[in-house]
Amino acid sequence: MDVSLTRDWVQNTASAMSRNQEHLTTLDSAIGDGDHGANMARGFGAVRAVIDDASRPAASVDEILVAAGKTLVSVVGGASGPLFGSAFRALGEALDADAEIDTPRFAAGLAAALDKLQQLGAAVPGDKTMVDAYAPAVAAFRDAAHSGADFRTAAHAAADAAEAGMRATVPMQARKGRASYLGLRSIGHQDPGATSTAYVFRALAEATEAEATRARLA
């Protein structure tokens, strides 16, 4: 993981949130306030603007991720801003200020981000929240890293696990957040936070593909 890949990840995530804003809104309208799509698109759009600011070039991966987290907390309303923002910031703070981060160290950073999420939201897998996508993604990345897989392979494993976790929220009854007020009526709906989390991890996997293509063409 280097600065270039981190920038691509942020940009891909912003594009995904913008492209899927209406879908996230539809999901959130069924079991929430209906503002998740707009919040995610606005928040990651602001993150992209900060990261792309030529007057403030970032020198390390951790600097980019911490800046992304702070921006999300300040721009995004509701619970999503503090949760997504704190996760990005915790990930950045768990990494050293090096130009490149190896796969095991990034896995440890993702675990720190998950810990922060669960501290803030008090959610566990099965509660029908973003944790249902984030936790399996972290586990898949960690397992791939421990098996000696490269960053690209680990990122794809995490993205696949996040998407599986996202789909698994459909039959769950929500136990946290606004959706929990619906009780049994929350069953049958995909959680919007888990969905946007899956977009984040898929954006990372796609960024590794772009980097691999550049390396082949170099």
N, C-alpha and C. Protein backbone atom coordinates (compact mmCIF):
# COMPACT_ATOMS: atom_id res chain seq x y z
N MET A 1 0.86 -1.18 0.00
CA MET A 1 0.00 0.00 0.00
C MET A 1 0.90 1.24 0.00
N ASP A 2 0.75 2.09 -1.03
CA ASP A 2 1.53 3.32 -1.08
C ASP A 2 0.61 4.51 -1.28
N VAL A 3 1.19 5.68 -1.40
CA VAL A 3 0.40 6.90 -1.52
C VAL A 3 -0.48 6.87 -2.76
N SER A 4 0.07 6.42 -3.87
CA SER A 4 -0.69 6.38 -5.12
C SER A 4 -1.90 5.46 -5.00
N LEU A 5 -1.71 4.29 -4.43
CA LEU A 5 -2.82 3.36 -4.27
C LEU A 5 -3.86 3.91 -3.30
N THR A 6 -3.41 4.57 -2.26
CA THR A 6 -4.34 5.15 -1.29
C THR A 6 -5.20 6.23 -1.94
N ARG A 7 -4.58 7.07 -2.75
CA ARG A 7 -5.34 8.09 -3.47
C ARG A 7 -6.37 7.45 -4.40
N ASP A 8 -5.95 6.42 -5.12
CA ASP A 8 -6.87 5.72 -6.01
C ASP A 8 -8.04 5.13 -5.24
N TRP A 9 -7.74 4.60 -4.06
CA TRP A 9 -8.79 4.02 -3.22
C TRP A 9 -9.83 5.07 -2.84
N VAL A 10 -9.35 6.21 -2.39
CA VAL A 10 -10.27 7.29 -2.00
C VAL A 10 -11.09 7.76 -3.20
N GLN A 11 -10.44 7.94 -4.32
CA GLN A 11 -11.15 8.39 -5.52
C GLN A 11 -12.17 7.37 -5.99
N ASN A 12 -11.80 6.10 -5.97
CA ASN A 12 -12.73 5.04 -6.36
C ASN A 12 -13.93 4.99 -5.42
N THR A 13 -13.67 5.17 -4.14
CA THR A 13 -14.76 5.15 -3.17
C THR A 13 -15.71 6.31 -3.41
N ALA A 14 -15.16 7.49 -3.63
CA ALA A 14 -16.00 8.66 -3.91
C ALA A 14 -16.85 8.43 -5.15
N SER A 15 -16.26 7.85 -6.18
CA SER A 15 -17.01 7.57 -7.41
C SER A 15 -18.11 6.56 -7.16
N ALA A 16 -17.81 5.54 -6.36
CA ALA A 16 -18.81 4.52 -6.07
C ALA A 16 -19.98 5.09 -5.28
N MET A 17 -19.69 5.95 -4.31
CA MET A 17 -20.77 6.54 -3.51
C MET A 17 -21.63 7.46 -4.38
N SER A 18 -21.01 8.21 -5.28
CA SER A 18 -21.77 9.08 -6.17
C SER A 18 -22.62 8.25 -7.14
N ARG A 19 -22.02 7.23 -7.70
CA ARG A 19 -22.70 6.39 -8.70
C ARG A 19 -23.87 5.63 -8.07
N ASN A 20 -23.73 5.24 -6.81
CA ASN A 20 -24.75 4.42 -6.15
C ASN A 20 -25.59 5.20 -5.14
N GLN A 21 -25.54 6.52 -5.24
CA GLN A 21 -26.26 7.34 -4.27
C GLN A 21 -27.75 7.00 -4.23
N GLU A 22 -28.37 6.86 -5.38
CA GLU A 22 -29.81 6.58 -5.41
C GLU A 22 -30.12 5.22 -4.80
N HIS A 23 -29.28 4.23 -5.07
CA HIS A 23 -29.50 2.90 -4.49
C HIS A 23 -29.39 2.95 -2.97
N LEU A 24 -28.37 3.63 -2.45
CA LEU A 24 -28.23 3.75 -1.01
C LEU A 24 -29.41 4.50 -0.39
N THR A 25 -29.91 5.49 -1.09
CA THR A 25 -31.07 6.23 -0.61
C THR A 25 -32.29 5.32 -0.53
N THR A 26 -32.48 4.49 -1.55
CA THR A 26 -33.61 3.56 -1.56
C THR A 26 -33.52 2.58 -0.40
N LEU A 27 -32.32 2.04 -0.17
CA LEU A 27 -32.14 1.11 0.95
C LEU A 27 -32.43 1.79 2.27
N ASP A 28 -31.93 2.99 2.44
CA ASP A 28 -32.08 3.70 3.71
C ASP A 28 -33.51 4.19 3.92
N SER A 29 -34.20 4.46 2.83
CA SER A 29 -35.59 4.91 2.95
C SER A 29 -36.47 3.80 3.52
N ALA A 30 -36.08 2.54 3.30
CA ALA A 30 -36.88 1.41 3.78
C ALA A 30 -36.74 1.20 5.28
N ILE A 31 -35.55 1.46 5.84
CA ILE A 31 -35.34 1.16 7.26
C ILE A 31 -34.64 2.27 8.03
N GLY A 32 -34.45 3.42 7.39
CA GLY A 32 -33.75 4.52 8.07
C GLY A 32 -34.35 5.87 7.72
N ASP A 33 -33.50 6.88 7.69
CA ASP A 33 -33.94 8.25 7.42
C ASP A 33 -33.97 8.60 5.94
N GLY A 34 -33.39 7.75 5.11
CA GLY A 34 -33.38 8.01 3.67
C GLY A 34 -32.28 8.97 3.23
N ASP A 35 -31.34 9.29 4.11
CA ASP A 35 -30.31 10.27 3.77
C ASP A 35 -28.91 9.65 3.60
N HIS A 36 -28.81 8.34 3.70
CA HIS A 36 -27.49 7.71 3.68
C HIS A 36 -26.78 7.91 2.34
N GLY A 37 -27.51 7.80 1.25
CA GLY A 37 -26.90 7.98 -0.07
C GLY A 37 -26.33 9.38 -0.24
N ALA A 38 -27.12 10.38 0.10
CA ALA A 38 -26.66 11.76 -0.02
C ALA A 38 -25.48 12.03 0.91
N ASN A 39 -25.54 11.50 2.12
CA ASN A 39 -24.46 11.71 3.08
C ASN A 39 -23.15 11.10 2.59
N MET A 40 -23.23 9.87 2.08
CA MET A 40 -22.02 9.20 1.61
C MET A 40 -21.43 9.90 0.37
N ALA A 41 -22.29 10.28 -0.55
CA ALA A 41 -21.81 10.97 -1.75
C ALA A 41 -21.18 12.31 -1.40
N ARG A 42 -21.81 13.06 -0.52
CA ARG A 42 -21.27 14.36 -0.12
C ARG A 42 -19.98 14.19 0.67
N GLY A 43 -19.96 13.26 1.59
CA GLY A 43 -18.80 13.07 2.44
C GLY A 43 -17.57 12.63 1.67
N PHE A 44 -17.71 11.63 0.83
CA PHE A 44 -16.55 11.16 0.09
C PHE A 44 -16.18 12.10 -1.05
N GLY A 45 -17.15 12.87 -1.53
CA GLY A 45 -16.81 13.93 -2.48
C GLY A 45 -15.91 14.96 -1.83
N ALA A 46 -16.21 15.29 -0.58
CA ALA A 46 -15.37 16.24 0.16
C ALA A 46 -13.99 15.65 0.44
N VAL A 47 -13.95 14.36 0.73
CA VAL A 47 -12.67 13.70 0.95
C VAL A 47 -11.81 13.75 -0.31
N ARG A 48 -12.43 13.49 -1.46
CA ARG A 48 -11.68 13.52 -2.71
C ARG A 48 -11.12 14.92 -2.96
N ALA A 49 -11.90 15.93 -2.65
CA ALA A 49 -11.43 17.31 -2.85
C ALA A 49 -10.22 17.61 -1.97
N VAL A 50 -10.26 17.13 -0.75
CA VAL A 50 -9.13 17.35 0.18
C VAL A 50 -7.90 16.61 -0.31
N ILE A 51 -8.07 15.37 -0.71
CA ILE A 51 -6.93 14.55 -1.13
C ILE A 51 -6.33 15.07 -2.44
N ASP A 52 -7.18 15.62 -3.29
CA ASP A 52 -6.71 16.11 -4.59
C ASP A 52 -6.15 17.53 -4.53
N ASP A 53 -6.19 18.16 -3.36
CA ASP A 53 -5.73 19.53 -3.22
C ASP A 53 -4.21 19.59 -3.45
N ALA A 54 -3.81 20.13 -4.57
CA ALA A 54 -2.39 20.16 -4.93
C ALA A 54 -1.56 21.01 -3.98
N SER A 55 -2.21 21.91 -3.27
CA SER A 55 -1.47 22.77 -2.35
C SER A 55 -1.11 22.05 -1.05
N ARG A 56 -1.71 20.84 -0.84
CA ARG A 56 -1.45 20.09 0.39
C ARG A 56 -1.13 18.65 0.05
N PRO A 57 -0.02 18.41 -0.67
CA PRO A 57 0.31 17.03 -1.06
C PRO A 57 0.63 16.16 0.15
N ALA A 58 0.06 14.96 0.17
CA ALA A 58 0.30 14.04 1.28
C ALA A 58 1.55 13.22 1.00
N ALA A 59 2.34 13.01 2.04
CA ALA A 59 3.61 12.31 1.88
C ALA A 59 3.54 10.85 2.30
N SER A 60 2.46 10.45 2.95
CA SER A 60 2.38 9.08 3.46
C SER A 60 0.94 8.59 3.46
N VAL A 61 0.81 7.27 3.52
CA VAL A 61 -0.51 6.63 3.53
C VAL A 61 -1.31 7.07 4.75
N ASP A 62 -0.68 7.07 5.91
CA ASP A 62 -1.41 7.40 7.12
C ASP A 62 -1.95 8.82 7.08
N GLU A 63 -1.19 9.74 6.48
CA GLU A 63 -1.64 11.13 6.40
C GLU A 63 -2.92 11.25 5.56
N ILE A 64 -2.98 10.52 4.46
CA ILE A 64 -4.17 10.55 3.62
C ILE A 64 -5.37 9.98 4.36
N LEU A 65 -5.19 8.86 5.02
CA LEU A 65 -6.31 8.20 5.69
C LEU A 65 -6.82 9.00 6.87
N VAL A 66 -5.91 9.61 7.63
CA VAL A 66 -6.34 10.45 8.75
C VAL A 66 -7.10 11.67 8.24
N ALA A 67 -6.61 12.27 7.16
CA ALA A 67 -7.31 13.42 6.57
C ALA A 67 -8.70 13.02 6.07
N ALA A 68 -8.79 11.84 5.48
CA ALA A 68 -10.09 11.35 5.02
C ALA A 68 -11.04 11.18 6.19
N GLY A 69 -10.55 10.60 7.27
CA GLY A 69 -11.39 10.39 8.44
C GLY A 69 -11.88 11.68 9.05
N LYS A 70 -10.99 12.65 9.19
CA LYS A 70 -11.38 13.93 9.77
C LYS A 70 -12.43 14.63 8.90
N THR A 71 -12.26 14.53 7.59
CA THR A 71 -13.20 15.17 6.67
C THR A 71 -14.58 14.54 6.77
N LEU A 72 -14.64 13.22 6.82
CA LEU A 72 -15.93 12.54 6.93
C LEU A 72 -16.66 12.92 8.22
N VAL A 73 -15.92 12.98 9.31
CA VAL A 73 -16.54 13.35 10.59
C VAL A 73 -17.12 14.76 10.53
N SER A 74 -16.41 15.67 9.86
CA SER A 74 -16.85 17.06 9.84
C SER A 74 -17.95 17.34 8.82
N VAL A 75 -18.02 16.52 7.76
CA VAL A 75 -18.95 16.81 6.66
C VAL A 75 -20.23 15.99 6.73
N VAL A 76 -20.13 14.74 7.14
CA VAL A 76 -21.28 13.83 7.07
C VAL A 76 -22.07 13.88 8.36
N GLY A 77 -23.38 14.04 8.22
CA GLY A 77 -24.25 14.09 9.38
C GLY A 77 -24.67 12.72 9.86
N GLY A 78 -25.44 12.68 10.94
CA GLY A 78 -25.95 11.44 11.48
C GLY A 78 -24.85 10.56 12.05
N ALA A 79 -25.12 9.25 12.07
CA ALA A 79 -24.15 8.31 12.61
C ALA A 79 -23.06 7.97 11.62
N SER A 80 -23.34 8.10 10.33
CA SER A 80 -22.40 7.64 9.31
C SER A 80 -21.07 8.38 9.35
N GLY A 81 -21.11 9.69 9.55
CA GLY A 81 -19.88 10.47 9.58
C GLY A 81 -18.92 10.02 10.66
N PRO A 82 -19.36 10.00 11.92
CA PRO A 82 -18.47 9.54 12.99
C PRO A 82 -17.99 8.11 12.80
N LEU A 83 -18.85 7.22 12.30
CA LEU A 83 -18.46 5.82 12.15
C LEU A 83 -17.46 5.62 11.03
N PHE A 84 -17.80 6.05 9.83
CA PHE A 84 -16.88 5.90 8.70
C PHE A 84 -15.62 6.74 8.91
N GLY A 85 -15.81 7.95 9.40
CA GLY A 85 -14.67 8.82 9.61
C GLY A 85 -13.72 8.28 10.65
N SER A 86 -14.25 7.80 11.76
CA SER A 86 -13.40 7.27 12.81
C SER A 86 -12.68 6.01 12.36
N ALA A 87 -13.33 5.22 11.51
CA ALA A 87 -12.69 4.01 11.00
C ALA A 87 -11.48 4.37 10.13
N PHE A 88 -11.66 5.33 9.23
CA PHE A 88 -10.54 5.74 8.38
C PHE A 88 -9.42 6.36 9.22
N ARG A 89 -9.81 7.17 10.18
CA ARG A 89 -8.79 7.81 11.01
C ARG A 89 -8.03 6.77 11.85
N ALA A 90 -8.77 5.81 12.42
CA ALA A 90 -8.11 4.77 13.21
C ALA A 90 -7.18 3.93 12.36
N LEU A 91 -7.59 3.66 11.12
CA LEU A 91 -6.72 2.92 10.21
C LEU A 91 -5.43 3.70 9.96
N GLY A 92 -5.57 4.98 9.67
CA GLY A 92 -4.39 5.80 9.43
C GLY A 92 -3.48 5.89 10.64
N GLU A 93 -4.08 6.07 11.80
CA GLU A 93 -3.28 6.23 13.02
C GLU A 93 -2.57 4.94 13.43
N ALA A 94 -3.09 3.82 12.95
CA ALA A 94 -2.46 2.54 13.27
C ALA A 94 -1.25 2.24 12.39
N LEU A 95 -1.08 3.03 11.33
CA LEU A 95 0.03 2.82 10.40
C LEU A 95 1.15 3.80 10.67
N ASP A 96 2.36 3.38 10.43
CA ASP A 96 3.50 4.28 10.58
C ASP A 96 3.54 5.27 9.42
N ALA A 97 4.24 6.36 9.62
CA ALA A 97 4.33 7.40 8.59
C ALA A 97 5.37 7.04 7.54
N ASP A 98 5.16 5.91 6.90
CA ASP A 98 6.05 5.45 5.84
C ASP A 98 5.40 5.64 4.48
N ALA A 99 6.21 5.66 3.45
CA ALA A 99 5.68 5.82 2.10
C ALA A 99 4.91 4.58 1.65
N GLU A 100 5.32 3.41 2.15
CA GLU A 100 4.67 2.17 1.77
C GLU A 100 4.34 1.34 3.02
N ILE A 101 3.21 0.64 2.96
CA ILE A 101 2.75 -0.19 4.07
C ILE A 101 2.59 -1.61 3.56
N ASP A 102 3.16 -2.59 4.25
CA ASP A 102 3.04 -3.96 3.76
C ASP A 102 1.70 -4.57 4.16
N THR A 103 1.40 -5.71 3.61
CA THR A 103 0.08 -6.32 3.77
C THR A 103 -0.24 -6.67 5.22
N PRO A 104 0.65 -7.30 5.97
CA PRO A 104 0.32 -7.59 7.38
C PRO A 104 0.08 -6.33 8.21
N ARG A 105 0.84 -5.29 7.97
CA ARG A 105 0.63 -4.05 8.74
C ARG A 105 -0.71 -3.41 8.39
N PHE A 106 -1.09 -3.47 7.13
CA PHE A 106 -2.39 -2.92 6.76
C PHE A 106 -3.51 -3.76 7.38
N ALA A 107 -3.32 -5.06 7.46
CA ALA A 107 -4.31 -5.92 8.10
C ALA A 107 -4.50 -5.53 9.56
N ALA A 108 -3.39 -5.24 10.24
CA ALA A 108 -3.47 -4.80 11.63
C ALA A 108 -4.19 -3.46 11.74
N GLY A 109 -3.96 -2.58 10.76
CA GLY A 109 -4.65 -1.30 10.75
C GLY A 109 -6.15 -1.45 10.57
N LEU A 110 -6.54 -2.36 9.69
CA LEU A 110 -7.98 -2.62 9.49
C LEU A 110 -8.61 -3.16 10.78
N ALA A 111 -7.88 -4.00 11.49
CA ALA A 111 -8.40 -4.52 12.75
C ALA A 111 -8.59 -3.40 13.77
N ALA A 112 -7.65 -2.45 13.79
CA ALA A 112 -7.79 -1.30 14.69
C ALA A 112 -9.01 -0.46 14.32
N ALA A 113 -9.25 -0.32 13.02
CA ALA A 113 -10.42 0.44 12.56
C ALA A 113 -11.71 -0.25 12.98
N LEU A 114 -11.75 -1.57 12.86
CA LEU A 114 -12.93 -2.32 13.29
C LEU A 114 -13.16 -2.16 14.79
N ASP A 115 -12.08 -2.22 15.56
CA ASP A 115 -12.22 -2.01 17.01
C ASP A 115 -12.84 -0.66 17.32
N LYS A 116 -12.40 0.37 16.61
CA LYS A 116 -12.94 1.71 16.83
C LYS A 116 -14.42 1.76 16.47
N LEU A 117 -14.78 1.14 15.35
CA LEU A 117 -16.19 1.09 14.94
C LEU A 117 -17.05 0.47 16.03
N GLN A 118 -16.58 -0.63 16.56
CA GLN A 118 -17.39 -1.35 17.55
C GLN A 118 -17.42 -0.63 18.89
N GLN A 119 -16.37 0.11 19.19
CA GLN A 119 -16.40 0.93 20.40
C GLN A 119 -17.44 2.03 20.28
N LEU A 120 -17.49 2.67 19.12
CA LEU A 120 -18.42 3.79 18.93
C LEU A 120 -19.86 3.33 18.79
N GLY A 121 -20.08 2.30 17.98
CA GLY A 121 -21.44 1.87 17.69
C GLY A 121 -21.97 0.76 18.55
N ALA A 122 -21.09 0.14 19.33
CA ALA A 122 -21.48 -0.98 20.20
C ALA A 122 -22.20 -2.07 19.43
N ALA A 123 -21.82 -2.25 18.17
CA ALA A 123 -22.47 -3.26 17.32
C ALA A 123 -21.56 -4.46 17.15
N VAL A 124 -22.19 -5.62 16.98
CA VAL A 124 -21.47 -6.86 16.71
C VAL A 124 -22.07 -7.48 15.46
N PRO A 125 -21.36 -8.41 14.84
CA PRO A 125 -21.95 -9.08 13.68
C PRO A 125 -23.29 -9.70 14.03
N GLY A 126 -24.25 -9.51 13.15
CA GLY A 126 -25.60 -9.99 13.39
C GLY A 126 -26.57 -8.90 13.80
N ASP A 127 -26.05 -7.69 14.10
CA ASP A 127 -26.91 -6.58 14.49
C ASP A 127 -27.52 -5.84 13.30
N LYS A 128 -27.13 -6.21 12.08
CA LYS A 128 -27.60 -5.57 10.86
C LYS A 128 -27.08 -4.14 10.78
N THR A 129 -25.76 -4.03 10.76
CA THR A 129 -25.10 -2.72 10.64
C THR A 129 -23.92 -2.87 9.69
N MET A 130 -23.15 -1.81 9.53
CA MET A 130 -21.97 -1.85 8.70
C MET A 130 -20.93 -2.86 9.20
N VAL A 131 -21.00 -3.20 10.48
CA VAL A 131 -20.07 -4.19 11.04
C VAL A 131 -20.25 -5.55 10.38
N ASP A 132 -21.45 -5.85 9.91
CA ASP A 132 -21.69 -7.13 9.25
C ASP A 132 -20.94 -7.25 7.93
N ALA A 133 -20.54 -6.16 7.35
CA ALA A 133 -19.68 -6.19 6.16
C ALA A 133 -18.23 -5.95 6.54
N TYR A 134 -18.00 -5.06 7.50
CA TYR A 134 -16.63 -4.67 7.86
C TYR A 134 -15.88 -5.82 8.53
N ALA A 135 -16.52 -6.51 9.47
CA ALA A 135 -15.84 -7.56 10.21
C ALA A 135 -15.37 -8.71 9.31
N PRO A 136 -16.22 -9.25 8.45
CA PRO A 136 -15.72 -10.32 7.57
C PRO A 136 -14.67 -9.84 6.58
N ALA A 137 -14.75 -8.58 6.17
CA ALA A 137 -13.73 -8.04 5.27
C ALA A 137 -12.37 -8.01 5.97
N VAL A 138 -12.35 -7.55 7.21
CA VAL A 138 -11.11 -7.49 7.98
C VAL A 138 -10.56 -8.90 8.19
N ALA A 139 -11.44 -9.83 8.53
CA ALA A 139 -10.99 -11.21 8.75
C ALA A 139 -10.41 -11.82 7.49
N ALA A 140 -11.06 -11.56 6.35
CA ALA A 140 -10.58 -12.11 5.09
C ALA A 140 -9.23 -11.52 4.70
N PHE A 141 -9.08 -10.21 4.88
CA PHE A 141 -7.80 -9.57 4.58
C PHE A 141 -6.71 -10.11 5.49
N ARG A 142 -7.01 -10.22 6.76
CA ARG A 142 -6.03 -10.72 7.73
C ARG A 142 -5.61 -12.15 7.39
N ASP A 143 -6.59 -13.00 7.09
CA ASP A 143 -6.29 -14.40 6.78
C ASP A 143 -5.42 -14.51 5.53
N ALA A 144 -5.74 -13.69 4.53
CA ALA A 144 -4.95 -13.70 3.31
C ALA A 144 -3.52 -13.23 3.59
N ALA A 145 -3.40 -12.18 4.40
CA ALA A 145 -2.07 -11.66 4.74
C ALA A 145 -1.25 -12.70 5.49
N HIS A 146 -1.89 -13.38 6.44
CA HIS A 146 -1.18 -14.38 7.23
C HIS A 146 -0.76 -15.59 6.41
N SER A 147 -1.49 -15.84 5.32
CA SER A 147 -1.14 -16.96 4.45
C SER A 147 -0.04 -16.60 3.46
N GLY A 148 0.40 -15.34 3.47
CA GLY A 148 1.46 -14.89 2.59
C GLY A 148 0.98 -14.28 1.29
N ALA A 149 -0.32 -14.04 1.16
CA ALA A 149 -0.86 -13.44 -0.06
C ALA A 149 -0.38 -12.01 -0.22
N ASP A 150 -0.33 -11.54 -1.46
CA ASP A 150 0.07 -10.16 -1.69
C ASP A 150 -1.12 -9.24 -1.42
N PHE A 151 -0.86 -7.93 -1.46
CA PHE A 151 -1.88 -6.95 -1.10
C PHE A 151 -3.10 -7.05 -2.03
N ARG A 152 -2.86 -7.21 -3.31
CA ARG A 152 -3.94 -7.29 -4.28
C ARG A 152 -4.88 -8.45 -3.97
N THR A 153 -4.32 -9.62 -3.69
CA THR A 153 -5.12 -10.79 -3.38
C THR A 153 -5.91 -10.59 -2.09
N ALA A 154 -5.26 -10.01 -1.09
CA ALA A 154 -5.93 -9.76 0.18
C ALA A 154 -7.07 -8.76 0.02
N ALA A 155 -6.86 -7.74 -0.80
CA ALA A 155 -7.91 -6.74 -1.03
C ALA A 155 -9.12 -7.35 -1.71
N HIS A 156 -8.90 -8.22 -2.66
CA HIS A 156 -10.02 -8.87 -3.34
C HIS A 156 -10.76 -9.81 -2.38
N ALA A 157 -10.03 -10.52 -1.53
CA ALA A 157 -10.67 -11.39 -0.55
C ALA A 157 -11.54 -10.57 0.40
N ALA A 158 -11.03 -9.41 0.81
CA ALA A 158 -11.80 -8.53 1.71
C ALA A 158 -13.05 -8.01 1.02
N ALA A 159 -12.94 -7.61 -0.25
CA ALA A 159 -14.10 -7.10 -0.97
C ALA A 159 -15.17 -8.17 -1.13
N ASP A 160 -14.75 -9.38 -1.46
CA ASP A 160 -15.72 -10.47 -1.60
C ASP A 160 -16.42 -10.76 -0.28
N ALA A 161 -15.65 -10.75 0.81
CA ALA A 161 -16.23 -11.02 2.13
C ALA A 161 -17.18 -9.91 2.56
N ALA A 162 -16.83 -8.66 2.25
CA ALA A 162 -17.71 -7.54 2.59
C ALA A 162 -19.03 -7.65 1.85
N GLU A 163 -18.98 -8.01 0.58
CA GLU A 163 -20.21 -8.15 -0.19
C GLU A 163 -21.07 -9.31 0.29
N ALA A 164 -20.42 -10.40 0.70
CA ALA A 164 -21.18 -11.51 1.28
C ALA A 164 -21.84 -11.08 2.59
N GLY A 165 -21.09 -10.34 3.41
CA GLY A 165 -21.66 -9.84 4.65
C GLY A 165 -22.80 -8.87 4.42
N MET A 166 -22.66 -8.04 3.40
CA MET A 166 -23.72 -7.10 3.02
C MET A 166 -25.00 -7.86 2.69
N ARG A 167 -24.89 -8.89 1.84
CA ARG A 167 -26.07 -9.66 1.44
C ARG A 167 -26.68 -10.41 2.62
N ALA A 168 -25.84 -10.80 3.56
CA ALA A 168 -26.33 -11.55 4.72
C ALA A 168 -27.18 -10.70 5.65
N THR A 169 -27.15 -9.37 5.49
CA THR A 169 -27.98 -8.52 6.36
C THR A 169 -29.46 -8.56 5.97
N VAL A 170 -29.77 -9.02 4.78
CA VAL A 170 -31.17 -9.00 4.32
C VAL A 170 -32.10 -9.75 5.27
N PRO A 171 -31.82 -10.99 5.67
CA PRO A 171 -32.76 -11.70 6.55
C PRO A 171 -32.64 -11.35 8.03
N MET A 172 -31.71 -10.47 8.37
CA MET A 172 -31.51 -10.13 9.79
C MET A 172 -32.57 -9.16 10.30
N GLN A 173 -32.84 -9.22 11.59
CA GLN A 173 -33.62 -8.18 12.26
C GLN A 173 -32.65 -7.21 12.89
N ALA A 174 -32.85 -5.93 12.62
CA ALA A 174 -31.93 -4.90 13.12
C ALA A 174 -31.99 -4.81 14.64
N ARG A 175 -30.82 -4.71 15.26
CA ARG A 175 -30.75 -4.57 16.71
C ARG A 175 -30.06 -3.28 17.13
N LYS A 176 -29.61 -2.48 16.16
CA LYS A 176 -28.95 -1.22 16.45
C LYS A 176 -29.46 -0.15 15.50
N GLY A 177 -29.38 1.11 15.94
CA GLY A 177 -29.72 2.23 15.08
C GLY A 177 -31.22 2.39 14.85
N ARG A 178 -31.53 3.30 13.96
CA ARG A 178 -32.93 3.61 13.68
C ARG A 178 -33.70 2.40 13.16
N ALA A 179 -33.03 1.56 12.40
CA ALA A 179 -33.70 0.38 11.85
C ALA A 179 -34.23 -0.53 12.95
N SER A 180 -33.59 -0.52 14.12
CA SER A 180 -34.03 -1.40 15.20
C SER A 180 -35.43 -1.05 15.69
N TYR A 181 -35.85 0.21 15.47
CA TYR A 181 -37.19 0.61 15.90
C TYR A 181 -38.28 -0.12 15.11
N LEU A 182 -37.93 -0.64 13.96
CA LEU A 182 -38.91 -1.32 13.11
C LEU A 182 -39.17 -2.75 13.55
N GLY A 183 -38.30 -3.28 14.39
CA GLY A 183 -38.50 -4.66 14.84
C GLY A 183 -38.48 -5.64 13.69
N LEU A 184 -39.48 -6.49 13.63
CA LEU A 184 -39.54 -7.52 12.59
C LEU A 184 -39.66 -6.93 11.19
N ARG A 185 -40.13 -5.71 11.10
CA ARG A 185 -40.29 -5.09 9.77
C ARG A 185 -38.95 -4.76 9.13
N SER A 186 -37.87 -4.80 9.91
CA SER A 186 -36.55 -4.56 9.32
C SER A 186 -36.04 -5.78 8.56
N ILE A 187 -36.65 -6.92 8.78
CA ILE A 187 -36.25 -8.14 8.07
C ILE A 187 -36.63 -8.03 6.59
N GLY A 188 -35.73 -8.50 5.74
CA GLY A 188 -35.99 -8.48 4.31
C GLY A 188 -35.40 -7.29 3.59
N HIS A 189 -34.69 -6.43 4.32
CA HIS A 189 -34.07 -5.25 3.72
C HIS A 189 -32.56 -5.29 3.92
N GLN A 190 -31.83 -4.94 2.88
CA GLN A 190 -30.36 -4.90 2.98
C GLN A 190 -29.93 -3.64 3.72
N ASP A 191 -29.00 -3.80 4.63
CA ASP A 191 -28.57 -2.66 5.43
C ASP A 191 -27.76 -1.67 4.58
N PRO A 192 -28.12 -0.40 4.59
CA PRO A 192 -27.39 0.59 3.77
C PRO A 192 -25.95 0.80 4.23
N GLY A 193 -25.69 0.77 5.53
CA GLY A 193 -24.34 0.94 6.02
C GLY A 193 -23.42 -0.20 5.61
N ALA A 194 -23.95 -1.41 5.65
CA ALA A 194 -23.18 -2.56 5.17
C ALA A 194 -22.93 -2.45 3.68
N THR A 195 -23.89 -1.90 2.96
CA THR A 195 -23.75 -1.74 1.52
C THR A 195 -22.65 -0.74 1.18
N SER A 196 -22.66 0.41 1.83
CA SER A 196 -21.61 1.39 1.56
C SER A 196 -20.24 0.89 2.02
N THR A 197 -20.21 0.08 3.07
CA THR A 197 -18.96 -0.53 3.50
C THR A 197 -18.41 -1.46 2.42
N ALA A 198 -19.31 -2.22 1.80
CA ALA A 198 -18.89 -3.10 0.71
C ALA A 198 -18.33 -2.29 -0.45
N TYR A 199 -18.90 -1.12 -0.71
CA TYR A 199 -18.37 -0.25 -1.76
C TYR A 199 -16.94 0.19 -1.43
N VAL A 200 -16.69 0.48 -0.17
CA VAL A 200 -15.35 0.92 0.25
C VAL A 200 -14.32 -0.18 -0.03
N PHE A 201 -14.64 -1.40 0.33
CA PHE A 201 -13.68 -2.48 0.14
C PHE A 201 -13.55 -2.89 -1.33
N ARG A 202 -14.63 -2.81 -2.09
CA ARG A 202 -14.53 -3.10 -3.52
C ARG A 202 -13.70 -2.02 -4.21
N ALA A 203 -13.83 -0.79 -3.75
CA ALA A 203 -13.02 0.30 -4.32
C ALA A 203 -11.54 0.05 -4.09
N LEU A 204 -11.18 -0.52 -2.94
CA LEU A 204 -9.79 -0.84 -2.67
C LEU A 204 -9.30 -1.93 -3.62
N ALA A 205 -10.10 -2.96 -3.82
CA ALA A 205 -9.72 -4.04 -4.73
C ALA A 205 -9.54 -3.51 -6.15
N GLU A 206 -10.44 -2.63 -6.57
CA GLU A 206 -10.33 -2.06 -7.92
C GLU A 206 -9.09 -1.19 -8.05
N ALA A 207 -8.72 -0.52 -6.98
CA ALA A 207 -7.51 0.31 -7.01
C ALA A 207 -6.27 -0.55 -7.21
N THR A 208 -6.26 -1.74 -6.61
CA THR A 208 -5.10 -2.62 -6.80
C THR A 208 -5.01 -3.12 -8.23
N GLU A 209 -6.16 -3.27 -8.89
CA GLU A 209 -6.15 -3.69 -10.29
C GLU A 209 -5.56 -2.59 -11.18
N ALA A 210 -5.95 -1.36 -10.91
CA ALA A 210 -5.42 -0.24 -11.68
C ALA A 210 -3.91 -0.12 -11.48
N GLU A 211 -3.46 -0.34 -10.25
CA GLU A 211 -2.03 -0.27 -9.98
C GLU A 211 -1.28 -1.38 -10.72
N ALA A 212 -1.87 -2.58 -10.76
CA ALA A 212 -1.23 -3.69 -11.44
C ALA A 212 -1.13 -3.41 -12.96
N THR A 213 -2.16 -2.78 -13.49
CA THR A 213 -2.14 -2.43 -14.91
C THR A 213 -1.04 -1.42 -15.21
N ARG A 214 -0.92 -0.42 -14.34
CA ARG A 214 0.14 0.58 -14.54
C ARG A 214 1.53 -0.06 -14.48
N ALA A 215 1.67 -1.03 -13.57
CA ALA A 215 2.97 -1.69 -13.42
C ALA A 215 3.31 -2.49 -14.67
N ARG A 216 2.30 -3.12 -15.26
CA ARG A 216 2.55 -3.89 -16.48
C ARG A 216 2.93 -3.01 -17.66
N LEU A 217 2.35 -1.81 -17.69
CA LEU A 217 2.59 -0.92 -18.81
C LEU A 217 3.87 -0.10 -18.65
N ALA A 218 4.39 -0.07 -17.46
CA ALA A 218 5.60 0.74 -17.18
C ALA A 218 6.83 0.17 -17.89
